[in-house]
């Protein structure tokens, strides 16, 4: 095996360890249950697919009667399909695990009406889907950092910072579709980048497949299409010598169009089955909700203490310093990243549900902007450092981890009532009041005794019908910490192997 092939194999193995380590790290914060109606609606499609072979759901928010007479969710079934292995794992656990182990794993029952949030093994297992998607997202992020020229050490450091001190950590504990969507979109951009800088047209095929998968996960992923199409067009123009090599350009375009056509066909087929219209649906009709005064959304996403990108991911405050480094080395990519985030910011600021509540705290509709913009962190870390720069990085990372800790540590579903958010007469006004912002309220609850939410803490505390098992919870935490340490050692060993090859 040549040195180049050995290095490529080892780098691929290192990427795999990064994915596993991120998944393992996120796992300790897992709730083991759902928090809101959006998660339940997506899961109910999984349950129906597994048990009945259709996409029907019970009567709940964001559902309607379809052309087949069944009730359907507005949401795309992409994640519902991908979550099927998790659902079946839960069903197998119901058959094979002792009853006591089942009671412990399923957690306390919760829900109301047709909404079941927890107390079900299939839900407990399905809740890990986004945790796995978060691990994959971090692996893609690491690989992209390396492609942008970041050293192995800086790429690993940037990945660890994003995983532990940004919004990525929080949303990786929710069964929402944003994390899987972001993994697909970031992977798509990475493959376009690879093609633009020398790889074969198969990477364009992979890029289109991932972008199309993002659309099948969330219809609003289509908002990324214009900028992504522009970036792909630039890559094809670059590789085909300004389109003078007609055959190369035609082959590249075909690689882009084939997965897109298959995805649109799948979308049209499912839409026709559910709504009797290949492209129209209640989700597509959400376009009519893009009438919000844009200044409200802009202020909320950028400046509000309750929903700002910078509150939930303080590392983004480094952008005035990190982004110029990306601009100098990779101008086309910097333009694409900036244009994509700006377009999403403007579109979602016009959405009358821009705040994304009550499904999860934070700017979840702009989730993708966090890992995309922080790709500039790795190359910046390779530049000469100073005590001021290092100290600023440590403070922002610590602040970010604190935000993630209190936001995942406290049961979000209890916060609106405990914080009396319903007492605000003008809707989401509390998002713009510092001492009433969700992070502040969750911090108060975190330091005053909860209610705490991670499954491991609940195991130690116990719930109705199940006595607290602090000894078992502590032992499992110790096992988790030992496993995380072992994964760090494995990553170091892979780095040493790569160093020896280099």
Protein backbone atom coordinates (compact mmCIF):
# COMPACT_ATOMS: atom_id res chain seq x y z
CA UNK A 1 0.00 0.00 0.00
CA UNK A 2 1.42 3.40 -0.99
CA UNK A 3 1.89 6.16 1.56
CA UNK A 4 -0.92 8.20 0.00
CA UNK A 5 -3.38 5.31 0.17
CA UNK A 6 -2.35 4.52 3.73
CA UNK A 7 -2.78 8.16 4.75
CA UNK A 8 -6.21 8.30 3.08
CA UNK A 9 -7.33 5.11 4.82
CA UNK A 10 -6.09 6.34 8.19
CA UNK A 11 -7.72 9.78 7.72
CA UNK A 12 -11.00 8.04 6.88
CA UNK A 13 -10.69 5.92 10.02
CA UNK A 14 -9.96 9.06 12.04
CA UNK A 15 -13.13 10.66 10.65
CA UNK A 16 -15.07 7.61 11.78
CA UNK A 17 -13.69 7.92 15.30
CA UNK A 18 -14.71 11.60 15.32
CA UNK A 19 -18.28 10.61 14.43
CA UNK A 20 -18.41 7.95 17.15
CA UNK A 21 -16.87 10.27 19.74
CA UNK A 22 -19.35 13.06 18.96
CA UNK A 23 -22.28 10.63 19.12
CA UNK A 24 -21.02 9.27 22.43
CA UNK A 25 -20.53 12.77 23.83
CA UNK A 26 -24.00 13.94 22.80
CA UNK A 27 -25.53 10.75 24.19
CA UNK A 28 -25.04 11.64 27.85
CA UNK A 29 -27.29 14.70 27.36
CA UNK A 30 -30.07 12.64 25.73
CA UNK A 31 -33.59 13.05 27.12
CA UNK A 32 -34.91 9.68 26.02
CA UNK A 33 -38.22 11.33 25.15
CA UNK A 34 -39.75 13.96 22.91
CA UNK A 35 -40.39 17.56 23.84
CA UNK A 36 -42.93 18.89 21.38
CA UNK A 37 -45.58 18.17 18.80
CA UNK A 38 -43.22 18.38 15.80
CA UNK A 39 -41.16 15.45 17.09
CA UNK A 40 -44.29 13.41 17.80
CA UNK A 41 -45.71 14.03 14.31
CA UNK A 42 -42.50 12.81 12.66
CA UNK A 43 -42.33 9.78 14.96
CA UNK A 44 -45.96 8.84 14.37
CA UNK A 45 -45.17 8.47 10.67
CA UNK A 46 -42.35 6.11 11.65
CA UNK A 47 -44.73 4.11 13.81
CA UNK A 48 -47.35 3.90 11.07
CA UNK A 49 -44.78 2.84 8.48
CA UNK A 50 -43.51 0.10 10.76
CA UNK A 51 -46.87 -1.16 12.00
CA UNK A 52 -49.34 -0.39 9.21
CA UNK A 53 -47.30 0.35 6.11
CA UNK A 54 -48.70 3.86 5.66
CA UNK A 55 -47.96 7.45 6.76
CA UNK A 56 -51.10 8.18 8.75
CA UNK A 57 -50.92 10.01 12.09
CA UNK A 58 -53.39 10.75 14.91
CA UNK A 59 -55.16 14.09 15.06
CA UNK A 60 -52.68 16.71 16.23
CA UNK A 61 -51.14 20.05 15.29
CA UNK A 62 -49.86 20.46 11.70
CA UNK A 63 -51.96 17.61 10.32
CA UNK A 64 -54.91 17.36 7.93
CA UNK A 65 -57.08 14.76 6.24
CA UNK A 66 -55.49 13.59 3.00
CA UNK A 67 -56.98 12.36 -0.23
CA UNK A 68 -56.97 8.78 1.07
CA UNK A 69 -59.21 9.71 4.01
CA UNK A 70 -56.40 9.28 6.52
CA UNK A 71 -54.89 12.06 8.61
CA UNK A 72 -51.37 13.06 7.55
CA UNK A 73 -48.64 15.28 8.92
CA UNK A 74 -47.57 18.38 7.02
CA UNK A 75 -43.95 17.25 7.42
CA UNK A 76 -41.94 15.26 4.91
CA UNK A 77 -41.47 11.59 5.85
CA UNK A 78 -37.72 11.47 5.12
CA UNK A 79 -36.60 11.33 8.75
CA UNK A 80 -39.51 9.04 9.59
CA UNK A 81 -38.11 6.51 7.13
CA UNK A 82 -34.53 6.89 8.37
CA UNK A 83 -35.69 6.39 11.98
CA UNK A 84 -37.22 2.97 11.23
CA UNK A 85 -34.15 1.01 12.45
CA UNK A 86 -34.32 2.90 15.77
CA UNK A 87 -38.02 2.13 16.08
CA UNK A 88 -37.47 -1.56 15.42
CA UNK A 89 -34.60 -1.62 17.91
CA UNK A 90 -37.04 -0.33 20.51
CA UNK A 91 -39.55 -3.00 19.57
CA UNK A 92 -36.89 -5.70 19.88
CA UNK A 93 -35.94 -4.34 23.30
CA UNK A 94 -39.58 -4.77 24.35
CA UNK A 95 -39.36 -8.45 23.44
CA UNK A 96 -35.98 -9.38 24.81
CA UNK A 97 -35.09 -7.12 27.74
CA UNK A 98 -36.19 -7.90 31.32
CA UNK A 99 -39.16 -5.85 32.47
CA UNK A 100 -37.10 -3.95 35.02
CA UNK A 101 -34.58 -2.91 32.36
CA UNK A 102 -37.44 -1.83 30.11
CA UNK A 103 -38.94 0.39 32.82
CA UNK A 104 -35.58 2.03 33.37
CA UNK A 105 -34.87 2.64 29.68
CA UNK A 106 -38.29 3.94 28.69
CA UNK A 107 -38.30 6.63 31.38
CA UNK A 108 -41.38 8.23 32.90
CA UNK A 109 -44.56 8.32 30.80
CA UNK A 110 -45.50 11.77 29.56
CA UNK A 111 -47.90 13.33 27.10
CA UNK A 112 -51.51 14.34 26.72
CA UNK A 113 -54.32 13.50 24.31
CA UNK A 114 -52.84 12.01 21.15
CA UNK A 115 -49.36 13.25 22.05
CA UNK A 116 -47.08 10.65 23.62
CA UNK A 117 -43.74 12.22 24.54
CA UNK A 118 -42.14 9.46 26.57
CA UNK A 119 -42.51 6.24 28.52
CA UNK A 120 -42.15 4.12 25.36
CA UNK A 121 -39.06 2.13 24.35
CA UNK A 122 -39.50 2.92 20.66
CA UNK A 123 -39.50 6.62 21.51
CA UNK A 124 -36.45 6.21 23.75
CA UNK A 125 -34.53 4.58 20.90
CA UNK A 126 -35.84 6.94 18.20
CA UNK A 127 -34.75 9.93 20.30
CA UNK A 128 -31.15 8.88 19.57
CA UNK A 129 -31.58 9.47 15.83
CA UNK A 130 -30.55 13.12 15.97
CA UNK A 131 -27.73 12.21 18.34
CA UNK A 132 -26.34 9.97 15.62
CA UNK A 133 -27.03 12.65 13.00
CA UNK A 134 -25.08 15.07 15.19
CA UNK A 135 -22.14 12.68 15.23
CA UNK A 136 -22.24 12.44 11.44
CA UNK A 137 -22.50 16.23 11.16
CA UNK A 138 -19.36 16.62 13.25
CA UNK A 139 -17.50 14.05 11.13
CA UNK A 140 -18.43 15.97 7.97
CA UNK A 141 -17.42 19.22 9.69
CA UNK A 142 -14.00 17.74 10.58
CA UNK A 143 -13.45 16.44 7.07
CA UNK A 144 -14.40 19.82 5.61
CA UNK A 145 -11.96 21.59 7.94
CA UNK A 146 -9.19 19.37 6.65
CA UNK A 147 -10.16 20.07 3.05
CA UNK A 148 -10.01 23.79 3.79
CA UNK A 149 -6.40 23.32 4.81
CA UNK A 150 -6.73 23.30 8.59
CA UNK A 151 -4.10 21.21 10.32
CA UNK A 152 -5.22 17.97 11.88
CA UNK A 153 -4.86 19.40 15.38
CA UNK A 154 -6.80 22.58 14.57
CA UNK A 155 -9.51 20.66 12.73
CA UNK A 156 -10.00 18.37 15.73
CA UNK A 157 -9.97 21.32 18.11
CA UNK A 158 -12.53 23.24 16.03
CA UNK A 159 -14.75 20.15 15.83
CA UNK A 160 -14.57 19.63 19.59
CA UNK A 161 -15.43 23.29 20.20
CA UNK A 162 -18.44 23.21 17.87
CA UNK A 163 -19.68 19.94 19.37
CA UNK A 164 -19.39 21.07 22.98
CA UNK A 165 -20.14 24.79 23.00
CA UNK A 166 -22.61 25.58 20.23
CA UNK A 167 -26.25 24.99 19.35
CA UNK A 168 -25.17 21.71 17.73
CA UNK A 169 -25.07 20.06 21.15
CA UNK A 170 -28.59 21.10 22.15
CA UNK A 171 -30.37 20.20 18.93
CA UNK A 172 -28.59 16.84 18.80
CA UNK A 173 -30.79 15.85 21.75
CA UNK A 174 -34.08 16.64 19.96
CA UNK A 175 -35.89 14.43 17.42
CA UNK A 176 -36.22 17.45 15.14
CA UNK A 177 -35.07 17.32 11.53
CA UNK A 178 -32.61 20.21 11.54
CA UNK A 179 -29.50 18.21 12.47
CA UNK A 180 -29.97 15.57 9.78
CA UNK A 181 -30.78 18.31 7.26
CA UNK A 182 -27.60 20.18 8.20
CA UNK A 183 -25.49 17.02 7.88
CA UNK A 184 -26.84 16.47 4.36
CA UNK A 185 -26.37 20.09 3.28
CA UNK A 186 -22.86 20.38 4.71
CA UNK A 187 -21.94 17.08 3.08
CA UNK A 188 -23.32 18.32 -0.23
CA UNK A 189 -21.24 21.50 -0.07
CA UNK A 190 -18.16 19.46 0.86
CA UNK A 191 -18.57 17.23 -2.20
CA UNK A 192 -19.02 20.26 -4.48
CA UNK A 193 -15.86 21.71 -2.95
CA UNK A 194 -14.00 18.46 -3.65
CA UNK A 195 -15.20 18.47 -7.26
CA UNK A 196 -14.30 22.12 -7.77
CA UNK A 197 -10.77 21.44 -6.59
CA UNK A 198 -9.91 18.34 -8.52
CA UNK A 199 -12.03 15.26 -7.78
CA UNK A 200 -14.20 13.41 -10.30
CA UNK A 201 -17.84 13.94 -11.27
CA UNK A 202 -18.93 11.21 -8.84
CA UNK A 203 -18.53 13.80 -6.10
CA UNK A 204 -21.10 15.98 -7.87
CA UNK A 205 -23.40 12.98 -7.94
CA UNK A 206 -22.92 12.57 -4.17
CA UNK A 207 -23.42 16.31 -3.61
CA UNK A 208 -26.70 16.32 -5.50
CA UNK A 209 -27.87 13.17 -3.71
CA UNK A 210 -27.20 14.71 -0.30
CA UNK A 211 -28.81 18.04 -1.19
CA UNK A 212 -31.83 16.17 -2.52
CA UNK A 213 -31.97 14.10 0.67
CA UNK A 214 -32.02 17.32 2.69
CA UNK A 215 -35.07 18.43 0.71
CA UNK A 216 -36.79 15.10 1.40
CA UNK A 217 -36.05 15.59 5.09
CA UNK A 218 -37.34 19.17 5.21
CA UNK A 219 -39.06 20.98 2.36
CA UNK A 220 -37.62 24.33 3.59
CA UNK A 221 -34.16 22.95 2.78
CA UNK A 222 -35.10 24.10 -0.70
CA UNK A 223 -34.34 27.64 0.47
CA UNK A 224 -30.68 26.70 0.11
CA UNK A 225 -31.15 25.71 -3.54
CA UNK A 226 -30.42 29.05 -5.30
CA UNK A 227 -27.07 29.61 -3.58
CA UNK A 228 -26.13 25.93 -3.77
CA UNK A 229 -27.01 25.91 -7.48
CA UNK A 230 -24.81 28.96 -7.98
CA UNK A 231 -21.88 27.28 -6.20
CA UNK A 232 -22.35 24.11 -8.26
CA UNK A 233 -22.54 26.18 -11.45
CA UNK A 234 -19.28 27.91 -10.55
CA UNK A 235 -17.62 24.55 -9.88
CA UNK A 236 -18.76 23.18 -13.26
CA UNK A 237 -17.63 26.36 -15.02
CA UNK A 238 -14.23 26.10 -13.31
CA UNK A 239 -13.69 22.41 -14.10
CA UNK A 240 -14.91 22.66 -17.71
CA UNK A 241 -12.59 25.56 -18.60
CA UNK A 242 -15.37 28.12 -18.75
CA UNK A 243 -17.77 25.56 -20.34
CA UNK A 244 -15.44 25.15 -23.32
CA UNK A 245 -15.08 21.44 -22.57
CA UNK A 246 -18.67 20.65 -23.46
CA UNK A 247 -18.54 16.94 -22.69
CA UNK A 248 -17.18 17.51 -19.18
CA UNK A 249 -19.81 20.16 -18.50
CA UNK A 250 -22.63 17.98 -19.81
CA UNK A 251 -21.50 15.00 -17.71
CA UNK A 252 -21.30 17.20 -14.62
CA UNK A 253 -24.79 18.61 -15.21
CA UNK A 254 -26.15 15.11 -15.66
CA UNK A 255 -24.60 14.06 -12.34
CA UNK A 256 -26.40 16.95 -10.67
CA UNK A 257 -29.76 16.45 -12.35
CA UNK A 258 -30.12 12.69 -11.90
CA UNK A 259 -30.41 12.57 -8.06
CA UNK A 260 -32.48 15.76 -8.12
CA UNK A 261 -34.94 14.22 -10.59
CA UNK A 262 -35.24 11.07 -8.47
CA UNK A 263 -35.84 13.15 -5.33
CA UNK A 264 -38.50 15.27 -7.03
CA UNK A 265 -40.16 12.11 -8.31
CA UNK A 266 -40.20 10.64 -4.80
CA UNK A 267 -41.54 13.91 -3.40
CA UNK A 268 -44.27 14.07 -6.03
CA UNK A 269 -45.22 10.43 -5.49
CA UNK A 270 -45.61 10.81 -1.71
CA UNK A 271 -47.44 14.12 -2.11
CA UNK A 272 -49.83 12.56 -4.58
CA UNK A 273 -50.54 9.69 -2.19
CA UNK A 274 -51.18 11.99 0.74
CA UNK A 275 -52.65 15.18 -0.72
CA UNK A 276 -53.69 14.30 -4.28
CA UNK A 277 -51.28 16.87 -5.71
CA UNK A 278 -47.72 16.04 -6.81
CA UNK A 279 -46.18 19.31 -5.66
CA UNK A 280 -48.79 21.18 -3.65
CA UNK A 281 -49.15 20.39 0.04
CA UNK A 282 -49.92 22.12 3.35
CA UNK A 283 -46.17 22.48 3.93
CA UNK A 284 -45.62 24.10 0.55
CA UNK A 285 -48.53 26.42 1.36
CA UNK A 286 -46.46 27.78 4.26
CA UNK A 287 -45.13 30.28 1.70
CA UNK A 288 -48.17 32.35 2.62
CA UNK A 289 -46.68 32.86 6.08
CA UNK A 290 -43.67 34.82 4.80
CA UNK A 291 -45.26 38.13 5.70
CA UNK A 292 -43.66 38.86 9.06
CA UNK A 293 -42.12 42.35 9.41
CA UNK A 294 -38.53 41.50 8.60
CA UNK A 295 -37.05 43.75 11.28
CA UNK A 296 -38.63 41.60 14.01
CA UNK A 297 -37.01 38.42 12.76
CA UNK A 298 -33.66 40.12 12.12
CA UNK A 299 -33.63 41.61 15.58
CA UNK A 300 -34.62 38.28 17.08
CA UNK A 301 -32.02 36.19 15.25
CA UNK A 302 -29.17 38.65 15.67
CA UNK A 303 -29.74 40.75 18.79
CA UNK A 304 -32.37 39.25 21.08
CA UNK A 305 -31.25 37.58 24.33
CA UNK A 306 -33.84 34.88 23.77
CA UNK A 307 -33.23 33.66 20.22
CA UNK A 308 -29.97 35.14 18.95
CA UNK A 309 -27.49 32.97 17.09
CA UNK A 310 -24.74 34.51 19.21
CA UNK A 311 -26.44 33.62 22.51
CA UNK A 312 -26.74 29.94 21.65
CA UNK A 313 -23.38 29.76 19.86
CA UNK A 314 -21.08 32.45 21.32
CA UNK A 315 -18.18 31.23 19.16
CA UNK A 316 -19.91 33.00 16.26
CA UNK A 317 -18.75 36.26 17.84
CA UNK A 318 -15.30 35.36 16.46
CA UNK A 319 -16.53 35.68 12.86
CA UNK A 320 -15.00 39.16 12.32
CA UNK A 321 -11.62 37.47 12.92
CA UNK A 322 -12.13 33.96 11.50
CA UNK A 323 -14.06 34.73 8.32
CA UNK A 324 -11.36 36.99 6.77
CA UNK A 325 -8.95 34.04 7.01
CA UNK A 326 -11.40 31.93 4.98
CA UNK A 327 -11.92 34.83 2.57
CA UNK A 328 -8.21 35.14 1.81
CA UNK A 329 -7.75 31.42 1.07
CA UNK A 330 -11.11 30.31 -0.31
CA UNK A 331 -12.94 33.32 -1.70
CA UNK A 332 -15.61 31.44 -3.68
CA UNK A 333 -16.45 29.30 -0.65
CA UNK A 334 -16.57 32.34 1.64
CA UNK A 335 -19.01 33.99 -0.78
CA UNK A 336 -21.13 30.83 -0.95
CA UNK A 337 -21.19 30.37 2.84
CA UNK A 338 -22.02 34.02 3.46
CA UNK A 339 -24.67 34.18 0.73
CA UNK A 340 -26.33 31.00 1.96
CA UNK A 341 -26.53 32.15 5.58
CA UNK A 342 -27.69 35.63 4.56
CA UNK A 343 -30.45 34.23 2.34
CA UNK A 344 -31.68 31.92 5.11
CA UNK A 345 -31.58 34.79 7.60
CA UNK A 346 -33.68 37.03 5.36
CA UNK A 347 -36.20 34.33 4.43
CA UNK A 348 -36.78 33.06 7.96
CA UNK A 349 -36.94 36.61 9.32
CA UNK A 350 -40.00 37.05 7.08
CA UNK A 351 -41.62 33.89 8.49
CA UNK A 352 -44.33 34.63 11.05
CA UNK A 353 -43.15 31.63 13.09
CA UNK A 354 -39.48 32.67 12.98
CA UNK A 355 -38.96 31.92 16.70
CA UNK A 356 -39.61 28.19 16.22
CA UNK A 357 -41.35 27.86 19.57
CA UNK A 358 -42.35 25.79 21.40
CA UNK A 359 -40.50 22.90 19.81
CA UNK A 360 -37.07 23.90 21.14
CA UNK A 361 -35.39 27.04 22.47
CA UNK A 362 -33.01 28.91 20.22
CA UNK A 363 -32.81 29.87 16.52
CA UNK A 364 -33.50 26.38 15.21
CA UNK A 365 -34.50 27.51 11.73
CA UNK A 366 -31.01 28.95 11.28
CA UNK A 367 -29.29 25.93 12.81
CA UNK A 368 -27.32 25.18 9.66
CA UNK A 369 -25.64 28.59 9.81
CA UNK A 370 -23.70 27.62 12.94
CA UNK A 371 -21.60 24.72 11.60
CA UNK A 372 -21.33 26.35 8.16
CA UNK A 373 -19.96 29.68 9.40
CA UNK A 374 -17.70 28.05 11.99
CA UNK A 375 -15.83 26.18 9.26
CA UNK A 376 -13.68 29.31 9.30
CA UNK A 377 -12.56 28.44 12.84
CA UNK A 378 -10.08 25.69 11.91
CA UNK A 379 -7.93 27.75 9.51
CA UNK A 380 -7.99 30.63 12.00
CA UNK A 381 -6.70 28.37 14.78
CA UNK A 382 -3.65 27.62 12.64
CA UNK A 383 -2.61 31.25 12.68
CA UNK A 384 -0.17 32.58 15.30
CA UNK A 385 -1.89 32.89 18.64
CA UNK A 386 -1.69 35.31 21.55
CA UNK A 387 -2.79 35.30 25.16
CA UNK A 388 -5.68 37.61 24.35
CA UNK A 389 -6.87 35.41 21.50
CA UNK A 390 -6.54 32.21 23.53
CA UNK A 391 -8.27 33.76 26.50
CA UNK A 392 -11.15 35.03 24.35
CA UNK A 393 -11.57 31.60 22.79
CA UNK A 394 -11.65 29.92 26.20
CA UNK A 395 -14.21 32.39 27.58
CA UNK A 396 -16.53 32.08 24.58
CA UNK A 397 -16.26 28.28 24.57
CA UNK A 398 -16.95 28.10 28.31
CA UNK A 399 -19.93 30.42 27.93
CA UNK A 400 -21.23 28.35 25.04
CA UNK A 401 -20.91 25.11 27.00
CA UNK A 402 -22.75 26.68 29.92
CA UNK A 403 -25.62 27.65 27.61
CA UNK A 404 -25.78 24.09 26.26
CA UNK A 405 -25.54 22.59 29.74
CA UNK A 406 -28.47 24.51 31.22
CA UNK A 407 -30.51 24.20 28.03
CA UNK A 408 -30.17 20.42 27.89
CA UNK A 409 -30.07 19.96 31.64
CA UNK A 410 -33.49 21.48 32.33
CA UNK A 411 -36.77 20.06 31.03
CA UNK A 412 -37.66 22.57 28.31
CA UNK A 413 -41.31 21.52 28.23
CA UNK A 414 -41.73 22.80 31.80
CA UNK A 415 -40.06 26.17 31.24
CA UNK A 416 -42.92 28.16 29.61
CA UNK A 417 -45.28 27.47 32.52
CA UNK A 418 -42.66 27.91 35.26
CA UNK A 419 -41.46 31.16 33.65
CA UNK A 420 -45.06 32.36 33.14
CA UNK A 421 -44.44 33.12 29.46
CA UNK A 422 -48.18 33.02 28.83
CA UNK A 423 -48.41 36.22 30.87
CA UNK A 424 -46.81 38.19 28.04
CA UNK A 425 -49.65 39.76 26.12
CA UNK A 426 -47.69 40.52 22.95
CA UNK A 427 -46.66 36.98 22.07
CA UNK A 428 -42.90 36.48 21.98
CA UNK A 429 -41.94 39.66 23.84
CA UNK A 430 -40.09 37.64 26.50
CA UNK A 431 -37.46 36.75 23.88
CA UNK A 432 -36.38 40.40 23.90
CA UNK A 433 -36.20 40.79 27.69
CA UNK A 434 -32.83 39.81 29.13
CA UNK A 435 -33.95 38.54 32.54
CA UNK A 436 -36.86 36.57 31.02
CA UNK A 437 -34.98 34.96 28.13
CA UNK A 438 -35.15 31.14 28.00
CA UNK A 439 -31.45 30.68 28.74
CA UNK A 440 -31.75 32.87 31.84
CA UNK A 441 -34.88 31.06 33.02
CA UNK A 442 -33.30 27.67 32.42
CA UNK A 443 -30.18 28.73 34.30
CA UNK A 444 -32.35 29.74 37.27
CA UNK A 445 -34.11 26.37 37.22
CA UNK A 446 -30.82 24.51 36.75
CA UNK A 447 -29.33 26.02 39.91
CA UNK A 448 -32.54 25.80 41.94
CA UNK A 449 -33.18 22.09 41.48
CA UNK A 450 -34.70 21.55 38.08
CA UNK A 451 -36.81 19.86 36.81
CA UNK A 452 -33.79 18.15 35.27
CA UNK A 453 -34.19 16.32 32.01
CA UNK A 454 -31.28 14.09 30.86
CA UNK A 455 -32.24 10.43 31.15
CA UNK A 456 -29.22 9.68 33.32
CA UNK A 457 -30.21 12.28 35.91
CA UNK A 458 -33.80 11.06 35.90
CA UNK A 459 -32.54 7.55 36.50
CA UNK A 460 -30.75 8.77 39.62
CA UNK A 461 -33.79 10.71 40.84
CA UNK A 462 -36.44 8.13 39.91
CA UNK A 463 -40.04 8.76 38.88
CA UNK A 464 -43.52 7.55 39.74
CA UNK A 465 -43.36 3.77 39.97
CA UNK A 466 -39.57 3.60 39.63
CA UNK A 467 -37.28 4.28 42.57
CA UNK A 468 -34.22 6.44 42.04
CA UNK A 469 -31.02 4.54 41.36
CA UNK A 470 -28.20 6.99 41.98
CA UNK A 471 -25.61 4.22 42.24
CA UNK A 472 -26.52 2.85 38.83
CA UNK A 473 -26.66 6.35 37.34
CA UNK A 474 -23.20 7.14 38.71
CA UNK A 475 -21.81 3.85 37.43
CA UNK A 476 -23.23 4.50 33.96
CA UNK A 477 -21.81 8.01 33.98
CA UNK A 478 -18.40 6.60 34.94
CA UNK A 479 -18.69 4.09 32.08
CA UNK A 480 -19.63 6.92 29.71
CA UNK A 481 -16.63 8.98 30.86
CA UNK A 482 -14.33 5.97 30.45
CA UNK A 483 -15.74 5.36 26.97
CA UNK A 484 -15.18 9.00 26.02
CA UNK A 485 -11.62 8.77 27.29
CA UNK A 486 -11.06 5.61 25.24
CA UNK A 487 -12.37 7.36 22.14
CA UNK A 488 -10.02 10.29 22.71
CA UNK A 489 -7.14 7.81 22.98
CA UNK A 490 -8.24 6.14 19.73
CA UNK A 491 -8.30 9.52 17.97
CA UNK A 492 -4.81 10.31 19.26
CA UNK A 493 -3.51 6.97 18.01
CA UNK A 494 -4.92 7.61 14.55
CA UNK A 495 -3.27 11.03 14.58
CA UNK A 496 0.06 9.41 15.52
CA UNK A 497 -0.30 6.94 12.65
CA UNK A 498 -0.95 9.80 10.26
CA UNK A 499 2.03 11.71 11.65
CA UNK A 500 4.25 8.71 10.96
CA UNK A 501 2.93 8.51 7.38
CA UNK A 502 3.41 12.24 6.84
